[in-house]
Amino acid sequence: MLNVFDVSDTLVDHIRSNCPDDIAIIAYYGSYAQGTATRRSDLDFFFIPATSHGYRASIQFIIDDISFDFWPISWERAERMASFQESQTTIIADCKLLYVRSDEDRERFMSLRDTISNVQENTRSMVEKAESELRNVYLHLYKLSRAGDSDNITFIRTEAHGVLTKVLHCLALLNRTYFTKGFGKNKEQILQLPLRPARLESLMHTIMQGCIANDILQACEQLTADTLELVLAEKEKHSSAPSYQDRMKGFYEEEKGVLDKIITACEMNDYDTAFFNAIHVQDEIARFLYFAETGQWPCNLTTDSAYQDIYRQVGLPELVVLLNSHDLSQLQAAVERLCSLLESYLRTKGVEINRFNNMEQFETFLKEKTAEMAKFV
């Protein structure tokens, strides 16, 4: 029986002899690293190139009917894995080193493991990553919904697989962890996650074993909805106190340009420009006000616009409902009123707005700003 570590030793010796300066790290992970290998298990190993020439060491081969993939991971990709931007965090966290070019390379690699721990400790960041991952589910749901009662079970299961894997990755992030085994081998870890939908196991069963398209779609939709509830609940826990001065600095000055563009469009009866900018600016202001109040950006996955409640509570005028291709005068008046009300409201919240009546005032401001900056040199 083939000893896979004889294969790795041969490759490492080859690297040492032929391109020792081009490879920074060689390591293995997976079943052999975890002690769960079977007689058909391959050795999951990778390397981090130190130079562009190092990428040429990549090779895929079969010995004694066992497949091997000696594949490169750039330092940049390794950093993405360590920061949970990619799902294979276990590759960096749990691998075992076979070869290290230098002490500096070892230190750099070990710092990636520190990154994993630091990111896991940042609950808020992990919740944001979970929300971002959940967004990727909706394309699969859309394709499933468009398929209707299709009898193309290959298509249905492929898209359902996309839903399930991304939801499970979302749940891992929500629990500030990563899967140590590949899908199909990680069910025990999945079902032990503290934060998980109550019906997770039964919904997984329908998605994985169902044969009726509509049943699979409904299970995917329900699993996504239940996971979204968990994400929103965790986001709510980490909302912070209102902070307008920092979060809204420079916001009004930037949005003023868009508001002026709408006014000009109304004066010129340019409905198309008014349409796109009025909807955009009302939503943008509402989102920023929500952020200023909670420290969280609104979730784009919900089917309501509850985040716009703050916009309305402040008493800012509704622009979208005033869009009328035959008469833009009401919209223009509302935008002019919005300019005044928003600036006044932000000032009451302590937001400094850089408004100057003439060039002399602006020049004085620049001199004062320069003097202030010089204090920190």
Protein backbone atom coordinates (compact mmCIF):
# COMPACT_ATOMS: atom_id res chain seq x y z
CA MET A 1 0.00 0.00 0.00
CA LEU A 2 1.30 3.43 -0.97
CA ASN A 3 2.58 5.64 1.86
CA VAL A 4 1.40 9.10 0.88
CA PHE A 5 4.09 10.72 3.01
CA ASP A 6 6.72 9.05 0.83
CA VAL A 7 5.17 11.07 -1.98
CA SER A 8 5.31 14.30 0.01
CA ASP A 9 8.90 13.62 1.07
CA THR A 10 9.86 13.13 -2.57
CA LEU A 11 8.23 16.41 -3.55
CA VAL A 12 9.83 18.31 -0.67
CA ASP A 13 13.25 16.91 -1.58
CA HIS A 14 12.63 17.97 -5.16
CA ILE A 15 11.81 21.51 -4.02
CA ARG A 16 14.89 21.72 -1.79
CA SER A 17 17.14 20.58 -4.61
CA ASN A 18 15.70 22.54 -7.52
CA CYS A 19 13.86 25.67 -6.36
CA PRO A 20 14.43 26.24 -2.62
CA ASP A 21 14.09 30.02 -2.92
CA ASP A 22 10.83 29.89 -4.90
CA ILE A 23 8.61 28.10 -2.35
CA ALA A 24 7.90 29.63 1.06
CA ILE A 25 5.64 26.99 2.64
CA ILE A 26 4.53 23.43 1.98
CA ALA A 27 1.81 21.96 4.20
CA TYR A 28 -0.91 19.33 4.29
CA TYR A 29 -4.45 19.39 5.68
CA GLY A 30 -7.64 17.33 5.58
CA SER A 31 -8.07 13.71 6.58
CA TYR A 32 -4.39 12.91 7.16
CA ALA A 33 -3.94 16.02 9.30
CA GLN A 34 -7.04 15.08 11.30
CA GLY A 35 -6.29 11.36 11.59
CA THR A 36 -9.39 10.24 9.66
CA ALA A 37 -7.77 9.05 6.43
CA THR A 38 -8.91 5.85 4.71
CA ARG A 39 -7.02 3.66 2.26
CA ARG A 40 -8.40 5.71 -0.65
CA SER A 41 -7.61 9.10 0.90
CA ASP A 42 -5.31 11.37 -1.00
CA LEU A 43 -2.92 13.72 0.71
CA ASP A 44 -4.38 17.22 0.65
CA PHE A 45 -1.34 19.42 0.41
CA PHE A 46 -0.52 22.87 -0.90
CA PHE A 47 2.33 25.31 -1.16
CA ILE A 48 2.76 29.07 -0.96
CA PRO A 49 5.03 30.37 -3.74
CA ALA A 50 7.68 32.92 -2.81
CA THR A 51 8.28 34.01 -6.41
CA SER A 52 6.36 33.94 -9.68
CA HIS A 53 8.60 31.07 -10.78
CA GLY A 54 7.40 29.08 -7.76
CA TYR A 55 3.92 28.65 -9.26
CA ARG A 56 5.44 26.29 -11.83
CA ALA A 57 5.90 23.70 -9.08
CA SER A 58 2.16 22.98 -9.19
CA ILE A 59 1.45 19.44 -10.34
CA GLN A 60 -1.46 17.00 -10.39
CA PHE A 61 -0.78 13.26 -10.65
CA ILE A 62 -1.91 9.74 -9.73
CA ILE A 63 0.25 7.07 -8.08
CA ASP A 64 -1.06 3.60 -7.28
CA ASP A 65 -4.56 4.84 -8.14
CA ILE A 66 -4.35 7.63 -5.51
CA SER A 67 -4.74 11.17 -6.85
CA PHE A 68 -2.59 14.07 -5.70
CA ASP A 69 -2.95 17.80 -6.25
CA PHE A 70 0.07 19.89 -5.28
CA TRP A 71 -1.53 23.28 -5.69
CA PRO A 72 -0.41 26.85 -4.96
CA ILE A 73 -2.02 29.35 -2.60
CA SER A 74 -0.71 32.89 -2.82
CA TRP A 75 0.05 34.77 0.39
CA GLU A 76 -2.84 37.07 -0.50
CA ARG A 77 -5.30 34.20 -0.80
CA ALA A 78 -4.00 32.66 2.42
CA GLU A 79 -4.71 35.99 4.11
CA ARG A 80 -8.26 35.96 2.73
CA MET A 81 -8.79 32.47 4.12
CA ALA A 82 -7.43 33.55 7.50
CA SER A 83 -9.74 36.56 7.60
CA PHE A 84 -12.80 34.43 6.70
CA GLN A 85 -13.20 36.09 3.31
CA GLU A 86 -13.00 32.61 1.82
CA SER A 87 -14.59 29.55 3.33
CA GLN A 88 -11.51 27.29 3.52
CA THR A 89 -10.20 28.78 6.75
CA THR A 90 -9.42 25.29 8.05
CA ILE A 91 -6.66 24.94 5.45
CA ILE A 92 -4.66 27.65 7.22
CA ALA A 93 -5.85 26.95 10.77
CA ASP A 94 -5.39 23.19 10.90
CA CYS A 95 -2.70 22.29 8.40
CA LYS A 96 0.65 20.76 9.31
CA LEU A 97 3.85 22.15 7.85
CA LEU A 98 6.12 19.99 5.72
CA TYR A 99 8.60 22.61 4.55
CA VAL A 100 9.42 26.21 5.48
CA ARG A 101 11.91 28.27 3.51
CA SER A 102 12.92 30.61 6.34
CA ASP A 103 12.12 31.79 9.84
CA GLU A 104 10.51 34.87 8.31
CA ASP A 105 8.16 32.69 6.26
CA ARG A 106 7.27 30.66 9.33
CA GLU A 107 6.53 33.81 11.31
CA ARG A 108 4.40 35.22 8.50
CA PHE A 109 2.42 31.98 8.27
CA MET A 110 1.90 31.75 12.01
CA SER A 111 0.64 35.33 12.00
CA LEU A 112 -2.19 34.13 9.75
CA ARG A 113 -3.35 31.88 12.57
CA ASP A 114 -3.31 34.88 14.88
CA THR A 115 -5.50 36.64 12.33
CA ILE A 116 -8.03 33.80 12.51
CA SER A 117 -8.27 34.14 16.29
CA ASN A 118 -8.52 37.93 16.14
CA VAL A 119 -11.30 37.86 13.53
CA GLN A 120 -13.24 35.25 15.51
CA GLU A 121 -13.13 37.51 18.55
CA ASN A 122 -14.72 40.35 16.58
CA THR A 123 -18.35 39.25 16.79
CA ARG A 124 -19.66 42.22 14.88
CA SER A 125 -17.31 41.61 11.97
CA MET A 126 -18.29 37.94 11.82
CA VAL A 127 -21.99 38.84 11.74
CA GLU A 128 -21.31 41.21 8.85
CA LYS A 129 -19.47 38.45 7.01
CA ALA A 130 -22.39 36.08 7.66
CA GLU A 131 -24.83 38.62 6.21
CA SER A 132 -22.61 39.08 3.17
CA GLU A 133 -22.46 35.33 2.59
CA LEU A 134 -26.24 35.02 2.89
CA ARG A 135 -26.65 37.53 0.04
CA ASN A 136 -25.03 34.98 -2.26
CA VAL A 137 -27.92 32.58 -1.64
CA TYR A 138 -30.54 34.65 -3.41
CA LEU A 139 -29.34 34.07 -6.96
CA HIS A 140 -29.81 30.34 -6.44
CA LEU A 141 -33.26 30.93 -4.94
CA TYR A 142 -34.21 33.07 -7.93
CA LYS A 143 -33.11 30.38 -10.38
CA LEU A 144 -35.02 27.74 -8.42
CA SER A 145 -38.18 29.86 -8.36
CA ARG A 146 -37.92 30.46 -12.11
CA ALA A 147 -37.58 26.73 -12.71
CA GLY A 148 -41.11 26.16 -11.39
CA ASP A 149 -42.12 22.51 -11.48
CA SER A 150 -39.23 21.58 -13.74
CA ASP A 151 -38.48 17.87 -13.97
CA ASN A 152 -34.78 18.65 -14.49
CA ILE A 153 -33.72 17.26 -11.13
CA THR A 154 -30.05 17.86 -11.94
CA PHE A 155 -30.67 21.59 -12.27
CA ILE A 156 -32.87 21.70 -9.16
CA ARG A 157 -30.39 19.85 -6.98
CA THR A 158 -27.44 21.86 -8.28
CA GLU A 159 -29.08 25.18 -7.35
CA ALA A 160 -30.31 23.75 -4.03
CA HIS A 161 -26.75 22.65 -3.34
CA GLY A 162 -25.69 26.26 -3.87
CA VAL A 163 -28.31 27.44 -1.37
CA LEU A 164 -27.38 24.85 1.23
CA THR A 165 -23.60 25.26 1.12
CA LYS A 166 -23.80 29.04 1.32
CA VAL A 167 -26.36 28.99 4.15
CA LEU A 168 -24.17 26.58 6.09
CA HIS A 169 -21.13 28.78 5.59
CA CYS A 170 -23.23 31.73 6.77
CA LEU A 171 -24.16 29.80 9.92
CA ALA A 172 -20.51 28.95 10.59
CA LEU A 173 -19.62 32.64 10.36
CA LEU A 174 -22.54 33.56 12.57
CA ASN A 175 -21.16 31.16 15.16
CA ARG A 176 -17.66 32.62 14.73
CA THR A 177 -16.22 29.33 13.56
CA TYR A 178 -15.30 27.40 10.42
CA PHE A 179 -15.88 23.88 9.24
CA THR A 180 -12.95 21.59 9.89
CA LYS A 181 -14.20 18.94 7.48
CA GLY A 182 -15.62 19.06 4.00
CA PHE A 183 -19.35 19.00 3.28
CA GLY A 184 -20.70 15.50 3.73
CA LYS A 185 -18.33 14.88 6.62
CA ASN A 186 -19.28 17.87 8.76
CA LYS A 187 -22.91 17.15 9.66
CA GLU A 188 -22.12 16.56 13.33
CA GLN A 189 -20.41 19.94 13.57
CA ILE A 190 -23.29 21.61 11.71
CA LEU A 191 -25.94 20.23 14.06
CA GLN A 192 -23.94 21.29 17.11
CA LEU A 193 -23.75 24.95 16.12
CA PRO A 194 -25.30 26.99 18.96
CA LEU A 195 -26.92 29.43 16.52
CA ARG A 196 -28.85 27.48 13.94
CA PRO A 197 -32.43 27.29 12.61
CA ALA A 198 -34.65 25.03 14.71
CA ARG A 199 -35.64 23.03 11.63
CA LEU A 200 -32.16 22.84 10.17
CA GLU A 201 -31.87 19.05 10.12
CA SER A 202 -35.28 18.40 8.57
CA LEU A 203 -34.81 21.16 5.96
CA MET A 204 -31.39 19.75 5.05
CA HIS A 205 -33.01 16.33 4.66
CA THR A 206 -35.60 17.67 2.20
CA ILE A 207 -33.01 19.64 0.24
CA MET A 208 -30.61 16.73 0.01
CA GLN A 209 -33.02 13.85 -0.45
CA GLY A 210 -36.17 15.41 -1.92
CA CYS A 211 -37.22 14.56 -5.47
CA ILE A 212 -40.03 17.08 -6.00
CA ALA A 213 -38.89 20.50 -7.24
CA ASN A 214 -41.45 22.51 -5.27
CA ASP A 215 -40.62 20.70 -2.01
CA ILE A 216 -36.93 21.43 -2.48
CA LEU A 217 -37.63 25.07 -3.32
CA GLN A 218 -39.82 25.55 -0.25
CA ALA A 219 -37.18 23.97 1.98
CA CYS A 220 -34.52 26.25 0.51
CA GLU A 221 -36.71 29.32 1.00
CA GLN A 222 -37.55 28.35 4.57
CA LEU A 223 -33.93 27.63 5.47
CA THR A 224 -32.86 30.98 4.04
CA ALA A 225 -35.65 32.85 5.87
CA ASP A 226 -34.85 31.16 9.19
CA THR A 227 -31.15 31.94 8.77
CA LEU A 228 -31.94 35.56 7.94
CA GLU A 229 -33.88 35.83 11.22
CA LEU A 230 -30.78 34.70 13.09
CA VAL A 231 -28.57 37.20 11.24
CA LEU A 232 -30.96 40.09 11.97
CA ALA A 233 -31.22 39.10 15.64
CA GLU A 234 -27.43 39.07 15.96
CA LYS A 235 -27.15 42.41 14.20
CA GLU A 236 -29.64 43.88 16.63
CA LYS A 237 -27.53 42.72 19.57
CA HIS A 238 -24.57 44.65 18.28
CA SER A 239 -26.25 47.94 17.48
CA SER A 240 -24.47 50.85 19.10
CA ALA A 241 -25.45 54.26 20.42
CA PRO A 242 -26.20 57.08 17.97
CA SER A 243 -23.15 58.95 16.74
CA TYR A 244 -23.79 61.63 14.16
CA GLN A 245 -20.62 63.70 14.32
CA ASP A 246 -18.31 60.92 13.15
CA ARG A 247 -20.68 58.89 11.01
CA MET A 248 -22.17 61.81 9.08
CA LYS A 249 -19.04 63.91 8.60
CA GLY A 250 -18.96 65.18 5.00
CA PHE A 251 -22.22 63.43 4.15
CA TYR A 252 -24.40 66.49 3.60
CA GLU A 253 -21.78 68.28 1.50
CA GLU A 254 -21.65 65.28 -0.85
CA GLU A 255 -25.41 64.72 -1.07
CA LYS A 256 -26.02 68.42 -1.70
CA GLY A 257 -24.62 67.92 -5.20
CA VAL A 258 -27.19 65.21 -5.94
CA LEU A 259 -30.02 67.29 -4.52
CA ASP A 260 -28.99 70.24 -6.70
CA LYS A 261 -28.94 67.92 -9.71
CA ILE A 262 -32.58 66.99 -9.04
CA ILE A 263 -33.58 70.64 -8.73
CA THR A 264 -31.95 71.40 -12.09
CA ALA A 265 -33.65 68.38 -13.66
CA CYS A 266 -37.02 69.61 -12.40
CA GLU A 267 -36.38 73.09 -13.80
CA MET A 268 -35.53 71.57 -17.20
CA ASN A 269 -38.39 69.05 -17.06
CA ASP A 270 -35.82 66.25 -17.28
CA TYR A 271 -37.87 63.43 -15.77
CA ASP A 272 -35.33 60.67 -16.38
CA THR A 273 -32.60 62.41 -14.36
CA ALA A 274 -35.09 63.33 -11.65
CA PHE A 275 -36.35 59.75 -11.46
CA PHE A 276 -33.00 58.06 -10.95
CA ASN A 277 -31.57 60.64 -8.57
CA ALA A 278 -34.67 61.22 -6.42
CA ILE A 279 -35.06 57.53 -5.61
CA HIS A 280 -31.34 57.14 -5.01
CA VAL A 281 -30.93 60.15 -2.75
CA GLN A 282 -33.94 59.41 -0.52
CA ASP A 283 -32.74 55.86 0.00
CA GLU A 284 -29.14 57.00 0.57
CA ILE A 285 -30.14 59.58 3.18
CA ALA A 286 -32.36 57.03 4.94
CA ARG A 287 -29.53 54.49 5.02
CA PHE A 288 -27.04 56.97 6.46
CA LEU A 289 -29.48 58.19 9.10
CA TYR A 290 -30.05 54.57 10.12
CA PHE A 291 -26.29 54.05 10.30
CA ALA A 292 -25.84 57.20 12.38
CA GLU A 293 -28.48 56.00 14.84
CA THR A 294 -27.50 52.33 15.14
CA GLY A 295 -23.93 51.94 13.93
CA GLN A 296 -25.22 49.26 11.55
CA TRP A 297 -26.03 49.50 7.88
CA PRO A 298 -29.53 48.36 6.91
CA CYS A 299 -29.82 44.74 5.81
CA ASN A 300 -30.50 44.49 2.08
CA LEU A 301 -32.05 41.04 2.41
CA THR A 302 -35.35 42.04 4.02
CA THR A 303 -38.46 42.74 1.97
CA ASP A 304 -39.41 45.88 3.88
CA SER A 305 -37.85 49.33 4.21
CA ALA A 306 -38.05 49.73 7.98
CA TYR A 307 -34.74 51.59 7.93
CA GLN A 308 -36.56 54.48 6.24
CA ASP A 309 -38.60 55.01 9.42
CA ILE A 310 -35.90 57.30 10.82
CA TYR A 311 -36.07 59.40 7.64
CA ARG A 312 -39.79 59.84 8.17
CA GLN A 313 -39.50 60.42 11.93
CA VAL A 314 -37.11 63.28 11.28
CA GLY A 315 -39.83 64.81 9.10
CA LEU A 316 -37.94 64.81 5.84
CA PRO A 317 -40.14 65.03 2.73
CA GLU A 318 -40.94 61.97 0.64
CA LEU A 319 -39.47 62.44 -2.84
CA VAL A 320 -40.33 59.18 -4.53
CA VAL A 321 -44.09 59.60 -4.29
CA LEU A 322 -43.82 63.03 -5.95
CA LEU A 323 -42.28 61.72 -9.16
CA ASN A 324 -44.69 62.81 -11.90
CA SER A 325 -43.54 62.99 -15.49
CA HIS A 326 -46.17 65.67 -16.23
CA ASP A 327 -45.36 67.98 -13.35
CA LEU A 328 -42.05 68.11 -11.46
CA SER A 329 -42.80 71.28 -9.53
CA GLN A 330 -43.87 69.47 -6.37
CA LEU A 331 -40.74 67.34 -6.43
CA GLN A 332 -38.58 70.44 -6.86
CA ALA A 333 -40.22 72.16 -3.88
CA ALA A 334 -39.76 69.01 -1.77
CA VAL A 335 -36.06 68.74 -2.66
CA GLU A 336 -35.48 72.39 -1.81
CA ARG A 337 -37.20 71.82 1.51
CA LEU A 338 -35.17 68.65 2.08
CA CYS A 339 -31.90 70.56 1.59
CA SER A 340 -32.82 72.98 4.35
CA LEU A 341 -34.34 70.47 6.76
CA LEU A 342 -31.52 67.95 6.47
CA GLU A 343 -28.80 70.52 7.04
CA SER A 344 -30.65 71.95 10.03
CA TYR A 345 -31.24 68.50 11.52
CA LEU A 346 -27.60 67.43 11.17
CA ARG A 347 -26.42 70.65 12.80
CA THR A 348 -28.68 69.98 15.79
CA LYS A 349 -26.91 66.62 16.08
CA GLY A 350 -23.53 68.33 16.26
CA VAL A 351 -22.45 67.59 12.68
CA GLU A 352 -20.07 70.23 11.35
CA ILE A 353 -20.96 71.20 7.80
CA ASN A 354 -18.36 72.97 5.70
CA ARG A 355 -20.41 75.76 4.18
CA PHE A 356 -18.66 79.02 3.14
CA ASN A 357 -20.19 82.21 1.85
CA ASN A 358 -17.12 83.30 -0.11
CA MET A 359 -13.53 82.40 -1.01
CA GLU A 360 -12.11 84.40 1.87
CA GLN A 361 -13.93 82.18 4.36
CA PHE A 362 -12.72 79.07 2.55
CA GLU A 363 -9.10 80.28 2.53
CA THR A 364 -9.30 81.06 6.25
CA PHE A 365 -10.67 77.57 6.87
CA LEU A 366 -7.79 75.99 4.94
CA LYS A 367 -5.21 77.94 6.94
CA GLU A 368 -6.82 76.90 10.23
CA LYS A 369 -6.97 73.29 9.05
CA THR A 370 -3.30 73.37 8.07
CA ALA A 371 -2.34 74.80 11.45
CA GLU A 372 -4.35 72.13 13.21
CA MET A 373 -2.72 69.36 11.20
CA ALA A 374 0.74 70.75 11.97
CA LYS A 375 0.16 70.08 15.66
CA PHE A 376 0.26 66.34 14.99
CA VAL A 377 3.42 66.32 12.90
